[in-house]
Protein backbone atom coordinates (compact mmCIF):
# COMPACT_ATOMS: atom_id res chain seq x y z
CA MET A 1 -14.95 15.96 -42.51
CA MET A 2 -14.16 17.13 -38.97
CA SER A 3 -10.93 15.83 -37.46
CA ILE A 4 -11.11 13.80 -34.23
CA ILE A 5 -10.43 15.73 -31.01
CA LYS A 6 -8.67 13.79 -28.25
CA ARG A 7 -8.59 14.96 -24.63
CA ASN A 8 -5.79 14.78 -22.09
CA TYR A 9 -3.49 13.38 -24.79
CA SER A 10 0.13 12.36 -24.12
CA LEU A 11 2.68 14.21 -26.25
CA LYS A 12 5.60 11.93 -25.42
CA LYS A 13 5.65 10.47 -28.94
CA HIS A 14 5.30 13.94 -30.43
CA ASN A 15 8.50 15.53 -29.13
CA THR A 16 12.04 14.28 -29.71
CA PHE A 17 13.09 15.01 -26.11
CA ASN A 18 10.57 12.29 -25.17
CA ILE A 19 9.07 14.49 -22.45
CA ASP A 20 5.86 12.99 -21.07
CA VAL A 21 3.44 15.91 -20.93
CA LYS A 22 -0.22 16.06 -21.91
CA ALA A 23 -2.28 18.31 -24.14
CA LYS A 24 -5.74 19.37 -23.00
CA TYR A 25 -6.91 18.75 -26.59
CA PHE A 26 -5.12 17.11 -29.52
CA THR A 27 -6.13 16.82 -33.17
CA ILE A 28 -4.59 15.92 -36.53
CA ILE A 29 -5.24 18.09 -39.58
CA GLN A 30 -4.67 16.79 -43.11
CA ASN A 31 -6.15 19.54 -45.26
CA GLU A 32 -7.31 23.16 -45.18
CA LYS A 33 -10.97 22.22 -44.80
CA GLN A 34 -10.24 20.49 -41.50
CA ILE A 35 -8.46 23.63 -40.29
CA PHE A 36 -11.44 25.82 -41.13
CA ASN A 37 -13.80 23.32 -39.47
CA LEU A 38 -11.67 23.33 -36.32
CA LEU A 39 -11.57 27.12 -36.18
CA GLN A 40 -15.36 27.26 -36.49
CA GLU A 41 -15.82 25.09 -33.39
CA GLU A 42 -16.98 27.12 -30.40
CA PHE A 43 -14.48 25.57 -27.98
CA SER A 44 -11.54 26.51 -30.25
CA LEU A 45 -12.36 30.19 -29.79
CA LYS A 46 -11.67 29.89 -26.06
CA GLU A 47 -8.48 27.83 -26.24
CA LYS A 48 -4.94 28.75 -27.26
CA ILE A 49 -3.59 26.73 -30.18
CA LEU A 50 -0.15 25.17 -30.66
CA ILE A 51 0.82 23.92 -34.13
CA LEU A 52 3.05 20.89 -33.75
CA GLY A 53 5.12 19.15 -36.41
CA SER A 54 7.60 16.44 -35.51
CA GLY A 55 8.36 18.10 -32.16
CA SER A 56 12.08 18.19 -33.01
CA ASN A 57 12.60 21.81 -32.02
CA ILE A 58 10.53 22.10 -28.86
CA LEU A 59 11.02 21.58 -25.13
CA PHE A 60 7.87 21.04 -23.09
CA THR A 61 8.30 22.09 -19.46
CA LYS A 62 4.63 21.55 -18.53
CA ASN A 63 1.32 20.23 -19.81
CA TYR A 64 -0.20 22.24 -22.67
CA ASN A 65 -3.46 23.84 -21.56
CA GLY A 66 -5.00 24.27 -24.99
CA ILE A 67 -5.31 22.63 -28.42
CA VAL A 68 -2.30 20.94 -29.99
CA VAL A 69 -2.74 20.68 -33.77
CA PHE A 70 -0.58 18.05 -35.46
CA ASN A 71 0.03 19.21 -39.03
CA GLN A 72 -0.11 16.36 -41.55
CA ILE A 73 -0.87 18.25 -44.77
CA LYS A 74 1.01 16.30 -47.47
CA GLY A 75 1.97 16.69 -51.11
CA ILE A 76 5.01 17.62 -53.26
CA LYS A 77 4.30 18.99 -56.72
CA ILE A 78 6.24 20.91 -59.36
CA ILE A 79 3.97 23.82 -60.29
CA GLU A 80 6.27 25.71 -62.66
CA GLU A 81 9.65 25.29 -64.33
CA ASP A 82 11.98 26.83 -66.88
CA GLU A 83 15.54 26.22 -68.03
CA LYS A 84 17.07 27.33 -64.72
CA TYR A 85 14.53 26.61 -61.98
CA SER A 86 11.80 24.30 -60.75
CA THR A 87 9.11 25.78 -58.50
CA ILE A 88 7.66 23.27 -56.06
CA LYS A 89 4.61 23.39 -53.79
CA VAL A 90 5.14 21.32 -50.66
CA GLY A 91 2.63 20.44 -47.94
CA ALA A 92 3.57 21.69 -44.48
CA GLY A 93 3.19 18.18 -43.06
CA GLU A 94 5.84 16.59 -45.29
CA LYS A 95 9.03 15.50 -43.53
CA TRP A 96 11.82 17.94 -44.37
CA HIS A 97 14.43 15.26 -45.07
CA ASP A 98 12.02 13.41 -47.38
CA PHE A 99 11.67 16.62 -49.41
CA VAL A 100 15.47 16.96 -49.60
CA LEU A 101 15.73 13.38 -50.91
CA TRP A 102 12.90 14.09 -53.38
CA SER A 103 14.81 17.10 -54.76
CA ILE A 104 18.07 15.16 -55.08
CA LYS A 105 16.39 12.37 -57.06
CA ARG A 106 15.33 15.03 -59.56
CA ASN A 107 18.82 16.59 -59.67
CA LEU A 108 17.57 19.82 -58.13
CA SER A 109 19.85 21.93 -55.98
CA GLY A 110 19.47 24.45 -53.16
CA ILE A 111 18.61 22.40 -50.07
CA GLU A 112 21.06 19.46 -50.21
CA ASN A 113 23.21 20.95 -47.41
CA LEU A 114 20.10 20.82 -45.19
CA ALA A 115 19.81 17.03 -45.41
CA LEU A 116 18.81 15.09 -42.29
CA ILE A 117 17.56 18.16 -40.43
CA PRO A 118 14.61 16.81 -38.42
CA GLY A 119 11.17 18.34 -38.58
CA LEU A 120 8.47 19.08 -41.11
CA VAL A 121 8.47 21.42 -44.11
CA GLY A 122 6.02 23.79 -42.40
CA ALA A 123 8.56 24.46 -39.64
CA SER A 124 11.41 25.27 -42.03
CA PRO A 125 10.45 28.94 -42.65
CA ILE A 126 9.53 29.56 -39.00
CA GLN A 127 13.05 28.76 -37.86
CA ASN A 128 14.73 29.68 -41.16
CA ILE A 129 16.60 26.40 -40.84
CA GLY A 130 20.21 26.40 -41.94
CA ALA A 131 23.33 24.26 -41.96
CA TYR A 132 26.71 24.01 -43.68
CA GLY A 133 26.48 27.31 -45.54
CA MET A 134 22.83 27.14 -46.62
CA GLU A 135 19.66 28.72 -45.25
CA VAL A 136 16.17 27.78 -46.35
CA LYS A 137 15.27 31.46 -46.92
CA ASN A 138 17.34 31.35 -50.11
CA THR A 139 14.97 28.86 -51.76
CA ILE A 140 11.58 29.88 -50.34
CA GLN A 141 9.36 31.90 -52.67
CA LYS A 142 6.01 32.02 -50.88
CA ILE A 143 4.23 30.77 -47.77
CA HIS A 144 0.55 29.76 -47.64
CA PHE A 145 -1.08 30.00 -44.22
CA ILE A 146 -4.41 30.44 -42.47
CA ASN A 147 -4.82 33.21 -39.91
CA ILE A 148 -6.34 31.66 -36.78
CA LYS A 149 -8.23 34.76 -35.67
CA SER A 150 -9.55 36.05 -39.02
CA LYS A 151 -9.90 32.50 -40.46
CA LYS A 152 -8.56 33.83 -43.78
CA LYS A 153 -6.15 32.13 -46.16
CA ILE A 154 -3.12 34.32 -46.83
CA ILE A 155 -0.08 34.04 -49.11
CA ILE A 156 3.08 36.05 -48.45
CA ASN A 157 6.36 36.23 -50.36
CA ASP A 158 9.86 35.61 -49.07
CA PHE A 159 10.57 39.31 -48.41
CA ASP A 160 7.55 39.66 -46.14
CA CYS A 161 8.72 36.66 -44.10
CA LYS A 162 11.43 38.94 -42.59
CA PHE A 163 13.98 36.17 -42.53
CA LYS A 164 17.02 36.50 -40.29
CA TYR A 165 19.43 34.02 -38.72
CA ARG A 166 17.17 31.30 -37.23
CA ASP A 167 14.34 33.82 -37.24
CA SER A 168 11.30 34.98 -39.22
CA ILE A 169 7.99 36.82 -38.90
CA PHE A 170 6.48 33.48 -37.77
CA LYS A 171 8.57 33.57 -34.59
CA ASN A 172 7.60 37.16 -33.87
CA GLN A 173 4.54 39.06 -35.12
CA LEU A 174 2.77 35.91 -36.35
CA ARG A 175 3.85 33.61 -33.51
CA ASN A 176 1.01 31.20 -32.63
CA LYS A 177 -1.34 33.23 -34.86
CA VAL A 178 -1.22 31.23 -38.09
CA ILE A 179 -1.23 27.67 -39.43
CA ILE A 180 1.18 27.17 -42.33
CA THR A 181 -0.37 24.90 -44.98
CA ASN A 182 2.07 24.95 -47.92
CA VAL A 183 5.51 26.31 -48.76
CA ILE A 184 6.61 27.25 -52.28
CA PHE A 185 10.27 26.58 -53.08
CA LYS A 186 12.38 27.58 -56.08
CA LEU A 187 15.23 25.13 -56.67
CA TYR A 188 18.09 25.30 -59.15
CA LYS A 189 18.48 22.87 -62.03
CA LYS A 190 22.23 23.60 -62.12
CA PRO A 191 24.09 22.33 -59.03
CA ILE A 192 25.22 24.99 -56.55
CA ASN A 193 27.79 22.67 -54.99
CA ASN A 194 28.27 24.72 -51.82
CA THR A 195 31.23 23.08 -50.06
CA LYS A 196 32.67 26.11 -48.28
CA TYR A 197 32.33 24.40 -44.91
CA GLY A 198 35.52 22.38 -44.54
CA GLU A 199 33.78 19.39 -43.00
CA ILE A 200 31.89 18.79 -46.26
CA SER A 201 35.04 18.96 -48.40
CA ASN A 202 36.84 16.59 -46.05
CA GLU A 203 33.94 14.13 -46.05
CA LEU A 204 33.70 14.21 -49.87
CA GLN A 205 37.40 13.35 -50.04
CA ARG A 206 36.88 10.54 -47.53
CA ILE A 207 34.06 8.96 -49.54
CA LYS A 208 35.89 9.75 -52.81
CA LYS A 209 33.08 11.70 -54.43
CA ASP A 210 33.06 14.83 -56.56
CA PRO A 211 30.67 17.60 -55.44
CA SER A 212 27.05 17.14 -56.56
CA PRO A 213 23.69 17.59 -54.81
CA LYS A 214 23.61 13.84 -54.10
CA SER A 215 27.18 13.53 -52.81
CA ILE A 216 26.97 16.71 -50.72
CA ALA A 217 23.75 15.48 -49.12
CA GLN A 218 25.43 12.14 -48.37
CA ALA A 219 28.42 13.95 -46.84
CA VAL A 220 26.09 16.02 -44.64
CA ILE A 221 24.16 12.90 -43.58
CA ASN A 222 27.42 11.20 -42.62
CA ILE A 223 28.60 14.22 -40.63
CA ARG A 224 25.28 14.66 -38.83
CA ASN A 225 25.06 10.97 -37.96
CA LYS A 226 28.49 11.19 -36.31
CA LYS A 227 27.63 14.32 -34.34
CA ILE A 228 23.96 14.20 -33.43
CA PRO A 229 22.42 11.24 -31.57
CA ASN A 230 19.30 9.51 -32.84
CA PRO A 231 16.36 10.81 -30.74
CA LYS A 232 14.80 7.33 -30.90
CA LYS A 233 17.76 6.11 -28.84
CA ILE A 234 18.33 9.15 -26.62
CA GLY A 235 15.98 12.14 -26.37
CA ASN A 236 17.30 15.37 -27.92
CA SER A 237 16.34 18.20 -30.25
CA GLY A 238 19.59 18.58 -32.16
CA SER A 239 21.31 21.94 -31.69
CA PHE A 240 19.87 23.48 -28.54
CA PHE A 241 21.59 26.87 -28.82
CA LYS A 242 22.11 29.36 -31.64
CA ASN A 243 25.62 30.19 -32.79
CA PRO A 244 26.15 33.67 -31.29
CA ILE A 245 26.91 36.61 -33.60
CA VAL A 246 29.30 39.24 -32.24
CA SER A 247 30.93 42.47 -33.41
CA GLN A 248 34.43 42.55 -34.89
CA ASN A 249 35.62 44.39 -31.80
CA GLN A 250 34.26 41.77 -29.39
CA PHE A 251 35.62 38.98 -31.57
CA MET A 252 39.15 40.44 -31.56
CA LYS A 253 39.11 40.58 -27.76
CA LEU A 254 38.00 36.94 -27.62
CA LYS A 255 40.58 35.92 -30.24
CA ILE A 256 43.39 37.36 -28.14
CA LYS A 257 42.20 35.49 -25.06
CA PHE A 258 41.18 32.29 -26.90
CA PRO A 259 43.40 31.95 -30.02
CA ASP A 260 41.78 28.67 -31.12
CA ILE A 261 38.19 29.96 -31.01
CA VAL A 262 36.11 28.62 -33.91
CA TYR A 263 34.31 31.28 -35.95
CA TYR A 264 32.73 32.05 -39.31
CA LYS A 265 32.48 35.38 -41.10
CA ASN A 266 28.84 36.42 -41.03
CA SER A 267 29.21 39.81 -42.70
CA SER A 268 31.77 42.57 -43.06
CA LYS A 269 30.96 43.77 -39.55
CA LYS A 270 29.81 40.63 -37.72
CA ILE A 271 31.36 37.30 -36.75
CA LYS A 272 29.48 34.08 -36.00
CA LEU A 273 31.00 31.95 -33.24
CA ALA A 274 30.60 28.19 -32.86
CA ALA A 275 28.43 27.71 -29.78
CA GLY A 276 29.53 24.08 -29.51
CA TRP A 277 33.17 25.16 -29.20
CA LEU A 278 32.31 27.70 -26.51
CA ILE A 279 30.40 25.10 -24.47
CA GLU A 280 33.05 22.42 -24.89
CA HIS A 281 35.93 24.73 -23.94
CA ALA A 282 34.01 25.89 -20.90
CA GLY A 283 34.29 22.32 -19.67
CA LEU A 284 30.60 21.51 -20.12
CA LYS A 285 30.74 18.81 -22.81
CA GLY A 286 29.36 15.53 -21.48
CA ILE A 287 28.23 16.91 -18.10
CA ARG A 288 25.11 15.45 -16.54
CA LYS A 289 22.64 16.67 -13.94
CA GLY A 290 20.34 13.80 -13.11
CA ASP A 291 18.97 12.52 -16.41
CA ALA A 292 19.56 15.85 -18.21
CA GLY A 293 22.93 16.14 -19.92
CA VAL A 294 25.19 17.58 -22.59
CA HIS A 295 26.01 15.02 -25.26
CA LYS A 296 29.46 13.47 -24.98
CA ASN A 297 30.21 13.92 -28.71
CA GLN A 298 28.51 17.24 -29.46
CA ALA A 299 28.38 20.01 -26.87
CA LEU A 300 25.62 21.82 -28.73
CA VAL A 301 23.18 18.98 -28.08
CA LEU A 302 21.33 18.58 -24.78
CA VAL A 303 19.97 15.11 -24.09
CA ASN A 304 17.41 13.29 -22.00
CA HIS A 305 19.31 10.24 -20.75
CA ASN A 306 16.21 8.57 -19.38
CA ASN A 307 13.39 10.26 -17.55
CA ALA A 308 14.38 13.93 -17.29
CA ASN A 309 11.47 16.34 -17.39
CA GLY A 310 11.44 19.58 -19.32
CA LYS A 311 12.19 21.74 -16.31
CA GLU A 312 15.35 19.72 -15.56
CA ILE A 313 16.61 20.12 -19.12
CA LEU A 314 15.79 23.83 -19.04
CA SER A 315 17.65 24.17 -15.73
CA LEU A 316 20.74 22.63 -17.35
CA ALA A 317 20.40 25.01 -20.31
CA ARG A 318 20.22 28.02 -17.96
CA HIS A 319 23.35 26.73 -16.15
CA ILE A 320 25.21 26.55 -19.47
CA GLN A 321 24.09 30.07 -20.41
CA LYS A 322 25.34 31.38 -17.06
CA ILE A 323 28.78 29.76 -17.45
CA ILE A 324 29.16 31.01 -21.04
CA LYS A 325 28.28 34.54 -19.93
CA ILE A 326 30.86 34.43 -17.14
CA LYS A 327 33.65 32.92 -19.26
CA TYR A 328 33.16 34.72 -22.59
CA ASP A 329 30.73 37.59 -21.82
CA ILE A 330 28.37 36.14 -24.46
CA ASN A 331 24.61 35.72 -24.16
CA LEU A 332 23.84 32.27 -25.54
CA GLU A 333 20.32 32.11 -27.02
CA THR A 334 18.26 28.95 -27.33
CA GLU A 335 17.38 27.67 -30.78
CA VAL A 336 14.76 25.33 -29.31
CA ASN A 337 11.28 26.69 -28.54
CA ILE A 338 10.49 26.39 -24.85
CA ILE A 339 6.85 25.80 -23.88
């Protein structure tokens, strides 16, 4: 069955910044057959293709002159298990947070610290999503995808994904060249109980719970709800910038100048800085330019107060990057994909 193609379609409901742009063509895919049918269509050979999930990590600055494919491939299924692990095949169109809740109900561990991250499962390896001491790369085993040009189904393992901090092969060599259909995860049956981020430990004490996948997820949900605004109430994409990673030498210089700087050890030679702290202490928290602004409670989040367009939000982001460069000599990179 061929999926329905819509023309000149508004994407306002398909991006969490609530930017009102249009796609030249728009279609929903629910299985691999529909993907292959779409790729066989003559018009698809002439148009660029954008795979869209929940639109929670994207900033549209203009109309999309091509085909927007809304991935709705569903399904969560345990395909293998032993005493230590459960291996799960998950459709790319499943909501990420729903999958986290699914794993917690089955007492599986490995993604509980990633609770309430918006987006779909298919986007998780592209961005190598991470939060509170966990990265999704540590639980991904394989990725199933279809190559748009060759129209072939391909499976690659975690090593070939070339995972890095908020990065993967899907953001580089395979960018806009594949459609992810399923992700294979390997989750632990024994709880990891990763509480090394102080905020989690503090929240567990506050709610009087011992560490477990369920309680850690609840702590993360509580923390995120305090920090990050609901995009249904005010347009945003969560963390707009990556936490910058600097050398020990650069960090020591910054530490002398800014003794209270917030940081995390990334490796023996690198230090990860808290981008939110940098922005806030540059005096940018809560600023507003027209309807584009920095959230009053979380400096890492840019918001659409009302009717800002993508270019206005991008202009604010560039202003922030300029100030951070001047004040700290740090190049702040965007985590959000800009179209």
